[in-house]
N, C-alpha and C. Protein backbone atom coordinates (compact mmCIF):
# COMPACT_ATOMS: atom_id res chain seq x y z
N MET A 1 -41.75 -31.48 6.07
CA MET A 1 -43.11 -31.95 5.78
C MET A 1 -43.76 -32.38 7.10
N THR A 2 -44.99 -31.98 7.28
CA THR A 2 -45.74 -32.28 8.49
C THR A 2 -46.76 -33.38 8.19
N PRO A 3 -46.87 -34.38 9.07
CA PRO A 3 -47.92 -35.39 8.87
C PRO A 3 -49.28 -34.82 9.23
N ALA A 4 -50.21 -34.92 8.30
CA ALA A 4 -51.59 -34.48 8.52
C ALA A 4 -52.50 -35.68 8.31
N TYR A 5 -53.32 -35.97 9.29
CA TYR A 5 -54.26 -37.08 9.20
C TYR A 5 -55.63 -36.53 8.87
N ILE A 6 -56.24 -37.09 7.84
CA ILE A 6 -57.50 -36.58 7.30
C ILE A 6 -58.53 -37.70 7.28
N ALA A 7 -59.73 -37.41 7.80
CA ALA A 7 -60.85 -38.35 7.74
C ALA A 7 -61.63 -38.07 6.46
N LEU A 8 -62.07 -39.15 5.81
CA LEU A 8 -62.88 -39.05 4.60
C LEU A 8 -64.21 -39.73 4.86
N GLY A 9 -65.30 -39.13 4.42
CA GLY A 9 -66.61 -39.75 4.56
C GLY A 9 -67.53 -39.33 3.44
N SER A 10 -68.44 -40.24 3.06
CA SER A 10 -69.42 -39.93 2.03
C SER A 10 -70.64 -40.83 2.21
N ASN A 11 -71.83 -40.25 2.00
CA ASN A 11 -73.05 -41.08 2.00
C ASN A 11 -74.04 -40.67 0.91
N LEU A 12 -73.58 -39.86 -0.07
CA LEU A 12 -74.45 -39.45 -1.18
C LEU A 12 -73.72 -39.58 -2.51
N GLU A 13 -74.50 -39.76 -3.57
CA GLU A 13 -74.01 -39.71 -4.95
C GLU A 13 -72.81 -40.62 -5.18
N ASP A 14 -73.01 -41.92 -4.98
CA ASP A 14 -71.99 -42.93 -5.24
C ASP A 14 -70.78 -42.78 -4.31
N PRO A 15 -70.97 -43.07 -3.01
CA PRO A 15 -69.88 -42.89 -2.05
C PRO A 15 -68.55 -43.56 -2.44
N PRO A 16 -68.53 -44.78 -3.01
CA PRO A 16 -67.22 -45.31 -3.40
C PRO A 16 -66.50 -44.41 -4.40
N ALA A 17 -67.23 -43.91 -5.39
CA ALA A 17 -66.62 -43.01 -6.38
C ALA A 17 -66.20 -41.69 -5.73
N GLN A 18 -67.00 -41.19 -4.79
CA GLN A 18 -66.65 -39.94 -4.10
C GLN A 18 -65.33 -40.10 -3.34
N LEU A 19 -65.18 -41.23 -2.63
CA LEU A 19 -63.94 -41.45 -1.87
C LEU A 19 -62.75 -41.59 -2.81
N LYS A 20 -62.92 -42.32 -3.89
CA LYS A 20 -61.81 -42.50 -4.84
C LYS A 20 -61.41 -41.16 -5.46
N ALA A 21 -62.37 -40.34 -5.82
CA ALA A 21 -62.06 -39.02 -6.38
C ALA A 21 -61.36 -38.14 -5.34
N ALA A 22 -61.78 -38.24 -4.09
CA ALA A 22 -61.15 -37.46 -3.02
C ALA A 22 -59.69 -37.88 -2.84
N VAL A 23 -59.43 -39.17 -2.87
CA VAL A 23 -58.06 -39.66 -2.74
C VAL A 23 -57.20 -39.13 -3.88
N ALA A 24 -57.73 -39.17 -5.09
CA ALA A 24 -57.00 -38.63 -6.24
C ALA A 24 -56.71 -37.14 -6.05
N ALA A 25 -57.69 -36.40 -5.56
CA ALA A 25 -57.51 -34.96 -5.33
C ALA A 25 -56.48 -34.70 -4.23
N LEU A 26 -56.50 -35.50 -3.17
CA LEU A 26 -55.50 -35.35 -2.11
C LEU A 26 -54.10 -35.58 -2.67
N GLY A 27 -53.98 -36.54 -3.57
CA GLY A 27 -52.69 -36.84 -4.18
C GLY A 27 -52.17 -35.72 -5.07
N ARG A 28 -53.04 -34.81 -5.48
CA ARG A 28 -52.64 -33.68 -6.33
C ARG A 28 -52.43 -32.38 -5.56
N LEU A 29 -52.61 -32.39 -4.25
CA LEU A 29 -52.45 -31.14 -3.49
C LEU A 29 -51.01 -30.64 -3.60
N PRO A 30 -50.83 -29.32 -3.74
CA PRO A 30 -49.47 -28.78 -3.83
C PRO A 30 -48.72 -28.95 -2.52
N LEU A 31 -47.41 -29.08 -2.64
CA LEU A 31 -46.52 -29.18 -1.47
C LEU A 31 -46.91 -30.32 -0.54
N SER A 32 -47.49 -31.38 -1.10
CA SER A 32 -48.00 -32.49 -0.28
C SER A 32 -47.77 -33.81 -0.99
N ARG A 33 -47.71 -34.86 -0.17
CA ARG A 33 -47.58 -36.21 -0.71
C ARG A 33 -48.50 -37.15 0.09
N LEU A 34 -49.35 -37.86 -0.62
CA LEU A 34 -50.22 -38.84 0.02
C LEU A 34 -49.39 -40.05 0.39
N GLU A 35 -49.32 -40.35 1.68
CA GLU A 35 -48.46 -41.41 2.18
C GLU A 35 -49.17 -42.74 2.41
N ARG A 36 -50.36 -42.68 3.00
CA ARG A 36 -51.02 -43.91 3.43
C ARG A 36 -52.52 -43.75 3.43
N LEU A 37 -53.21 -44.84 3.15
CA LEU A 37 -54.68 -44.87 3.19
C LEU A 37 -55.14 -46.02 4.06
N SER A 38 -56.22 -45.79 4.77
CA SER A 38 -56.81 -46.85 5.59
C SER A 38 -57.69 -47.76 4.74
N ARG A 39 -58.20 -48.77 5.38
CA ARG A 39 -59.28 -49.55 4.78
C ARG A 39 -60.53 -48.68 4.80
N VAL A 40 -61.55 -49.12 4.10
CA VAL A 40 -62.82 -48.38 4.04
C VAL A 40 -63.82 -49.08 4.95
N TYR A 41 -64.53 -48.30 5.75
CA TYR A 41 -65.50 -48.81 6.71
C TYR A 41 -66.88 -48.27 6.38
N ARG A 42 -67.90 -49.04 6.73
CA ARG A 42 -69.29 -48.61 6.60
C ARG A 42 -69.81 -48.33 8.01
N SER A 43 -70.51 -47.18 8.15
CA SER A 43 -71.07 -46.82 9.46
C SER A 43 -72.44 -46.21 9.28
N ALA A 44 -73.24 -46.34 10.30
CA ALA A 44 -74.55 -45.69 10.31
C ALA A 44 -74.33 -44.18 10.41
N ALA A 45 -75.19 -43.43 9.77
CA ALA A 45 -75.09 -41.97 9.80
C ALA A 45 -75.38 -41.44 11.19
N VAL A 46 -74.65 -40.40 11.57
CA VAL A 46 -74.90 -39.66 12.80
C VAL A 46 -75.42 -38.31 12.37
N GLY A 47 -76.64 -38.02 12.67
CA GLY A 47 -77.17 -36.73 12.25
C GLY A 47 -78.67 -36.76 12.14
N PRO A 48 -79.23 -35.67 11.62
CA PRO A 48 -80.69 -35.52 11.58
C PRO A 48 -81.34 -36.40 10.51
N GLY A 49 -82.55 -36.84 10.81
CA GLY A 49 -83.36 -37.56 9.82
C GLY A 49 -82.79 -38.92 9.45
N THR A 50 -83.42 -39.52 8.48
CA THR A 50 -82.96 -40.81 7.97
C THR A 50 -81.97 -40.54 6.85
N GLN A 51 -80.78 -41.10 7.00
CA GLN A 51 -79.72 -40.91 6.01
C GLN A 51 -79.15 -42.27 5.61
N PRO A 52 -78.60 -42.35 4.40
CA PRO A 52 -77.89 -43.58 4.03
C PRO A 52 -76.65 -43.76 4.91
N ASP A 53 -76.17 -45.00 4.98
CA ASP A 53 -74.92 -45.27 5.69
C ASP A 53 -73.77 -44.52 5.03
N TYR A 54 -72.74 -44.28 5.82
CA TYR A 54 -71.53 -43.63 5.33
C TYR A 54 -70.47 -44.67 4.99
N LEU A 55 -69.62 -44.31 4.05
CA LEU A 55 -68.34 -44.97 3.87
C LEU A 55 -67.29 -44.03 4.43
N ASN A 56 -66.38 -44.58 5.25
CA ASN A 56 -65.38 -43.78 5.94
C ASN A 56 -63.99 -44.35 5.71
N ALA A 57 -63.01 -43.48 5.68
CA ALA A 57 -61.61 -43.88 5.56
C ALA A 57 -60.77 -42.77 6.18
N ALA A 58 -59.46 -42.99 6.19
CA ALA A 58 -58.52 -41.97 6.66
C ALA A 58 -57.30 -41.98 5.76
N ALA A 59 -56.66 -40.82 5.68
CA ALA A 59 -55.46 -40.67 4.86
C ALA A 59 -54.39 -39.96 5.67
N LEU A 60 -53.15 -40.36 5.41
CA LEU A 60 -51.99 -39.66 5.95
C LEU A 60 -51.37 -38.89 4.80
N LEU A 61 -51.28 -37.59 4.98
CA LEU A 61 -50.72 -36.69 3.99
C LEU A 61 -49.50 -36.04 4.61
N LEU A 62 -48.36 -36.09 3.93
CA LEU A 62 -47.21 -35.30 4.36
C LEU A 62 -47.28 -33.99 3.59
N THR A 63 -47.26 -32.88 4.31
CA THR A 63 -47.53 -31.61 3.65
C THR A 63 -46.67 -30.48 4.20
N ALA A 64 -46.38 -29.54 3.33
CA ALA A 64 -45.74 -28.30 3.73
C ALA A 64 -46.76 -27.17 3.80
N LEU A 65 -48.02 -27.48 3.48
CA LEU A 65 -49.08 -26.48 3.61
C LEU A 65 -49.35 -26.22 5.09
N PRO A 66 -49.46 -24.97 5.50
CA PRO A 66 -49.88 -24.68 6.88
C PRO A 66 -51.32 -25.15 7.10
N PRO A 67 -51.74 -25.28 8.37
CA PRO A 67 -53.06 -25.85 8.66
C PRO A 67 -54.24 -25.14 7.98
N LEU A 68 -54.32 -23.82 8.05
CA LEU A 68 -55.48 -23.14 7.45
C LEU A 68 -55.51 -23.25 5.92
N PRO A 69 -54.41 -23.07 5.22
CA PRO A 69 -54.45 -23.33 3.77
C PRO A 69 -54.79 -24.78 3.44
N LEU A 70 -54.34 -25.72 4.26
CA LEU A 70 -54.72 -27.12 4.04
C LEU A 70 -56.22 -27.29 4.23
N LEU A 71 -56.78 -26.72 5.30
CA LEU A 71 -58.22 -26.79 5.51
C LEU A 71 -58.98 -26.23 4.31
N ARG A 72 -58.54 -25.08 3.82
CA ARG A 72 -59.22 -24.48 2.66
C ARG A 72 -59.11 -25.37 1.43
N ALA A 73 -57.97 -26.02 1.24
CA ALA A 73 -57.80 -26.94 0.11
C ALA A 73 -58.74 -28.13 0.25
N LEU A 74 -58.91 -28.63 1.47
CA LEU A 74 -59.85 -29.75 1.70
C LEU A 74 -61.28 -29.30 1.40
N GLN A 75 -61.63 -28.10 1.82
CA GLN A 75 -62.97 -27.58 1.55
C GLN A 75 -63.21 -27.37 0.06
N GLU A 76 -62.17 -26.99 -0.66
CA GLU A 76 -62.30 -26.84 -2.12
C GLU A 76 -62.56 -28.20 -2.78
N ILE A 77 -61.88 -29.23 -2.31
CA ILE A 77 -62.12 -30.58 -2.83
C ILE A 77 -63.57 -30.97 -2.57
N GLU A 78 -64.05 -30.73 -1.35
CA GLU A 78 -65.45 -31.04 -1.02
C GLU A 78 -66.40 -30.32 -1.97
N ALA A 79 -66.16 -29.03 -2.18
CA ALA A 79 -67.05 -28.23 -3.03
C ALA A 79 -67.04 -28.74 -4.47
N ARG A 80 -65.86 -29.09 -4.97
CA ARG A 80 -65.78 -29.62 -6.35
C ARG A 80 -66.55 -30.92 -6.50
N GLN A 81 -66.68 -31.65 -5.40
CA GLN A 81 -67.40 -32.92 -5.44
C GLN A 81 -68.85 -32.78 -4.99
N GLY A 82 -69.36 -31.56 -4.98
CA GLY A 82 -70.79 -31.34 -4.76
C GLY A 82 -71.22 -31.16 -3.33
N ARG A 83 -70.29 -30.96 -2.41
CA ARG A 83 -70.67 -30.76 -1.00
C ARG A 83 -71.43 -29.46 -0.85
N VAL A 84 -72.58 -29.53 -0.22
CA VAL A 84 -73.38 -28.35 0.11
C VAL A 84 -73.51 -28.31 1.63
N ARG A 85 -73.13 -27.20 2.22
CA ARG A 85 -73.18 -27.06 3.69
C ARG A 85 -74.48 -26.38 4.08
N SER A 86 -75.56 -27.17 4.15
CA SER A 86 -76.86 -26.59 4.48
C SER A 86 -77.36 -27.02 5.85
N GLU A 87 -76.99 -28.21 6.28
CA GLU A 87 -77.51 -28.74 7.54
C GLU A 87 -76.37 -29.42 8.30
N ARG A 88 -76.18 -29.02 9.55
CA ARG A 88 -75.13 -29.63 10.36
C ARG A 88 -75.38 -31.12 10.51
N TRP A 89 -74.36 -31.89 10.22
CA TRP A 89 -74.37 -33.36 10.29
C TRP A 89 -75.37 -33.98 9.31
N GLY A 90 -75.73 -33.22 8.28
CA GLY A 90 -76.62 -33.75 7.25
C GLY A 90 -75.86 -34.65 6.29
N ALA A 91 -76.62 -35.33 5.44
CA ALA A 91 -76.02 -36.19 4.41
C ALA A 91 -75.13 -35.34 3.51
N ARG A 92 -74.07 -35.95 2.97
CA ARG A 92 -73.15 -35.19 2.12
C ARG A 92 -72.43 -36.07 1.13
N THR A 93 -72.05 -35.43 0.02
CA THR A 93 -71.29 -36.14 -1.00
C THR A 93 -69.91 -36.47 -0.48
N LEU A 94 -69.31 -35.53 0.25
CA LEU A 94 -67.95 -35.73 0.75
C LEU A 94 -67.72 -34.88 1.98
N ASP A 95 -67.05 -35.49 2.95
CA ASP A 95 -66.63 -34.79 4.16
C ASP A 95 -65.16 -35.09 4.35
N LEU A 96 -64.34 -34.05 4.38
CA LEU A 96 -62.91 -34.19 4.65
C LEU A 96 -62.61 -33.40 5.92
N ASP A 97 -62.20 -34.10 6.96
CA ASP A 97 -61.89 -33.44 8.23
C ASP A 97 -60.41 -33.56 8.54
N LEU A 98 -59.79 -32.45 8.88
CA LEU A 98 -58.40 -32.45 9.32
C LEU A 98 -58.40 -32.86 10.79
N LEU A 99 -57.92 -34.07 11.05
CA LEU A 99 -57.95 -34.64 12.40
C LEU A 99 -56.75 -34.21 13.23
N LEU A 100 -55.57 -34.40 12.66
CA LEU A 100 -54.31 -34.11 13.35
C LEU A 100 -53.36 -33.44 12.36
N TYR A 101 -52.54 -32.54 12.87
CA TYR A 101 -51.54 -31.87 12.05
C TYR A 101 -50.26 -31.85 12.88
N GLY A 102 -49.40 -32.83 12.64
CA GLY A 102 -48.19 -32.95 13.44
C GLY A 102 -48.53 -33.02 14.90
N GLU A 103 -47.82 -32.26 15.71
CA GLU A 103 -48.08 -32.23 17.16
C GLU A 103 -48.84 -30.96 17.55
N LEU A 104 -49.40 -30.29 16.56
CA LEU A 104 -50.07 -29.02 16.80
C LEU A 104 -51.40 -29.18 17.51
N ALA A 105 -51.63 -28.35 18.51
CA ALA A 105 -52.96 -28.17 19.11
C ALA A 105 -53.39 -26.75 18.75
N LEU A 106 -54.58 -26.64 18.19
CA LEU A 106 -55.06 -25.36 17.69
C LEU A 106 -56.55 -25.25 18.00
N ASP A 107 -56.96 -24.08 18.48
CA ASP A 107 -58.38 -23.86 18.76
C ASP A 107 -58.74 -22.45 18.31
N THR A 108 -59.25 -22.35 17.08
CA THR A 108 -59.70 -21.08 16.53
C THR A 108 -61.14 -21.26 16.08
N PRO A 109 -61.85 -20.17 15.80
CA PRO A 109 -63.23 -20.33 15.31
C PRO A 109 -63.30 -21.12 14.00
N GLU A 110 -62.25 -21.06 13.19
CA GLU A 110 -62.26 -21.73 11.89
C GLU A 110 -61.76 -23.16 11.94
N LEU A 111 -60.86 -23.47 12.86
CA LEU A 111 -60.22 -24.78 12.87
C LEU A 111 -59.81 -25.20 14.27
N GLN A 112 -60.17 -26.44 14.60
CA GLN A 112 -59.73 -27.03 15.87
C GLN A 112 -58.95 -28.30 15.55
N ILE A 113 -57.74 -28.38 16.11
CA ILE A 113 -56.89 -29.55 15.95
C ILE A 113 -56.40 -29.91 17.35
N PRO A 114 -56.53 -31.17 17.77
CA PRO A 114 -57.18 -32.28 17.08
C PRO A 114 -58.67 -32.00 16.86
N HIS A 115 -59.23 -32.71 15.91
CA HIS A 115 -60.66 -32.57 15.63
C HIS A 115 -61.42 -32.81 16.93
N PRO A 116 -62.33 -31.91 17.30
CA PRO A 116 -62.93 -31.96 18.64
C PRO A 116 -63.78 -33.19 18.95
N ARG A 117 -64.33 -33.88 17.96
CA ARG A 117 -65.18 -35.03 18.26
C ARG A 117 -64.57 -36.37 17.86
N MET A 118 -63.33 -36.37 17.43
CA MET A 118 -62.75 -37.60 16.92
C MET A 118 -62.66 -38.71 17.97
N ALA A 119 -62.43 -38.37 19.21
CA ALA A 119 -62.23 -39.38 20.25
C ALA A 119 -63.50 -40.17 20.55
N ARG A 120 -64.66 -39.67 20.11
CA ARG A 120 -65.93 -40.36 20.40
C ARG A 120 -66.51 -41.03 19.15
N ARG A 121 -65.77 -41.05 18.06
CA ARG A 121 -66.32 -41.55 16.80
C ARG A 121 -65.53 -42.76 16.30
N ASN A 122 -66.16 -43.92 16.40
CA ASN A 122 -65.48 -45.14 15.95
C ASN A 122 -65.16 -45.09 14.46
N PHE A 123 -66.00 -44.41 13.68
CA PHE A 123 -65.78 -44.33 12.24
C PHE A 123 -64.60 -43.43 11.87
N VAL A 124 -64.06 -42.71 12.85
CA VAL A 124 -62.84 -41.94 12.67
C VAL A 124 -61.65 -42.71 13.26
N LEU A 125 -61.82 -43.22 14.46
CA LEU A 125 -60.70 -43.84 15.17
C LEU A 125 -60.18 -45.12 14.50
N TYR A 126 -61.07 -45.99 14.04
CA TYR A 126 -60.61 -47.26 13.47
C TYR A 126 -59.87 -47.07 12.14
N PRO A 127 -60.35 -46.23 11.22
CA PRO A 127 -59.53 -45.96 10.04
C PRO A 127 -58.20 -45.29 10.40
N LEU A 128 -58.23 -44.37 11.37
CA LEU A 128 -57.00 -43.72 11.81
C LEU A 128 -56.02 -44.74 12.38
N LEU A 129 -56.53 -45.71 13.12
CA LEU A 129 -55.70 -46.78 13.67
C LEU A 129 -55.00 -47.56 12.55
N ASP A 130 -55.69 -47.77 11.44
CA ASP A 130 -55.10 -48.49 10.30
C ASP A 130 -53.82 -47.81 9.80
N ILE A 131 -53.80 -46.49 9.78
CA ILE A 131 -52.66 -45.79 9.18
C ILE A 131 -51.70 -45.20 10.20
N GLY A 132 -52.16 -44.98 11.43
CA GLY A 132 -51.30 -44.37 12.44
C GLY A 132 -50.80 -45.33 13.49
N GLY A 133 -51.49 -46.47 13.65
CA GLY A 133 -51.12 -47.43 14.67
C GLY A 133 -51.51 -46.98 16.06
N PRO A 134 -51.49 -47.91 17.03
CA PRO A 134 -51.95 -47.59 18.39
C PRO A 134 -51.07 -46.60 19.13
N ASN A 135 -49.82 -46.43 18.68
CA ASN A 135 -48.91 -45.53 19.39
C ASN A 135 -48.94 -44.09 18.86
N LEU A 136 -49.75 -43.83 17.85
CA LEU A 136 -49.90 -42.46 17.37
C LEU A 136 -50.40 -41.59 18.52
N ARG A 137 -49.70 -40.49 18.77
CA ARG A 137 -50.04 -39.63 19.92
C ARG A 137 -50.69 -38.33 19.48
N LEU A 138 -51.72 -37.97 20.23
CA LEU A 138 -52.34 -36.67 20.06
C LEU A 138 -51.48 -35.63 20.75
N PRO A 139 -51.70 -34.35 20.46
CA PRO A 139 -50.87 -33.30 21.08
C PRO A 139 -50.87 -33.33 22.61
N ASP A 140 -51.93 -33.82 23.23
CA ASP A 140 -51.97 -33.86 24.71
C ASP A 140 -51.28 -35.10 25.27
N GLY A 141 -50.71 -35.94 24.40
CA GLY A 141 -49.99 -37.14 24.85
C GLY A 141 -50.82 -38.41 24.85
N THR A 142 -52.12 -38.30 24.68
CA THR A 142 -52.99 -39.48 24.62
C THR A 142 -52.64 -40.29 23.38
N ASP A 143 -52.51 -41.61 23.55
CA ASP A 143 -52.22 -42.43 22.37
C ASP A 143 -53.51 -42.97 21.77
N LEU A 144 -53.46 -43.21 20.47
CA LEU A 144 -54.63 -43.66 19.73
C LEU A 144 -55.16 -44.99 20.27
N GLY A 145 -54.27 -45.86 20.69
CA GLY A 145 -54.70 -47.15 21.24
C GLY A 145 -55.64 -46.99 22.42
N THR A 146 -55.36 -46.03 23.29
CA THR A 146 -56.22 -45.77 24.44
C THR A 146 -57.58 -45.26 23.99
N LEU A 147 -57.59 -44.36 23.02
CA LEU A 147 -58.87 -43.84 22.51
C LEU A 147 -59.71 -44.96 21.91
N VAL A 148 -59.08 -45.85 21.16
CA VAL A 148 -59.80 -46.95 20.53
C VAL A 148 -60.40 -47.87 21.60
N LEU A 149 -59.65 -48.15 22.66
CA LEU A 149 -60.17 -49.00 23.73
C LEU A 149 -61.40 -48.39 24.39
N ASP A 150 -61.46 -47.07 24.44
CA ASP A 150 -62.58 -46.37 25.06
C ASP A 150 -63.74 -46.10 24.10
N CYS A 151 -63.61 -46.54 22.85
CA CYS A 151 -64.64 -46.27 21.84
C CYS A 151 -64.95 -47.59 21.11
N PRO A 152 -65.95 -48.32 21.58
CA PRO A 152 -66.24 -49.63 20.98
C PRO A 152 -66.50 -49.55 19.48
N ARG A 153 -66.12 -50.62 18.80
CA ARG A 153 -66.30 -50.69 17.35
C ARG A 153 -67.78 -50.70 16.97
N GLY A 154 -68.62 -51.28 17.81
CA GLY A 154 -70.06 -51.29 17.57
C GLY A 154 -70.40 -51.90 16.23
N GLU A 155 -71.25 -51.22 15.47
CA GLU A 155 -71.74 -51.72 14.18
C GLU A 155 -70.82 -51.36 13.01
N LEU A 156 -69.72 -50.70 13.30
CA LEU A 156 -68.78 -50.32 12.25
C LEU A 156 -68.27 -51.58 11.56
N GLU A 157 -68.38 -51.60 10.23
CA GLU A 157 -67.93 -52.79 9.51
C GLU A 157 -66.96 -52.42 8.40
N MET A 158 -65.94 -53.27 8.25
CA MET A 158 -64.97 -53.07 7.19
C MET A 158 -65.59 -53.51 5.88
N THR A 159 -65.30 -52.77 4.81
CA THR A 159 -65.80 -53.14 3.48
C THR A 159 -64.64 -53.74 2.68
N CYS A 160 -64.94 -54.22 1.50
CA CYS A 160 -63.88 -54.73 0.63
C CYS A 160 -63.46 -53.69 -0.41
N LEU A 161 -63.98 -52.47 -0.31
CA LEU A 161 -63.61 -51.41 -1.24
C LEU A 161 -62.14 -51.02 -0.99
N GLU A 162 -61.38 -50.93 -2.06
CA GLU A 162 -59.97 -50.54 -1.98
C GLU A 162 -59.80 -49.14 -2.57
N LEU A 163 -59.12 -48.28 -1.84
CA LEU A 163 -58.78 -46.95 -2.34
C LEU A 163 -57.35 -47.01 -2.85
N GLN A 164 -57.14 -46.54 -4.04
CA GLN A 164 -55.80 -46.56 -4.63
C GLN A 164 -55.08 -45.25 -4.36
N GLN A 165 -53.78 -45.33 -4.22
CA GLN A 165 -52.94 -44.14 -4.08
C GLN A 165 -52.48 -43.69 -5.42
């Protein structure tokens, strides 16, 4: 089983319910086991126009699914929850990003691992820190603690929403 770290985000159509449904769906993925969930954070939207704030979290999934089938399974979960891919960085019901997959580094047109923008996004790094700890290493050897030090928490705030496994 390979550890796969997944970022969760939602800012449309009842984000708390969207995240809870996504966690339930992750728990039902074949050849996979949901191991850990982060706390839930609120962040300002990054993207075009005026958007509602996001709720963000991270999950650790142990999986035997290869990276591309896992990506497709994540996209299917998004689609079932009403995700429409019409505008880059636009508001969305659910966003599931595959951040890390074991020690794999991958750069294809369909999938990049580690996620190419994760090191600059506090709303990804702080939830990831909750479940991976500061010593979690990226494929290039960089540890998560160093990335967090270089990415201020800013306006990111922890919520009291609990995601159940």
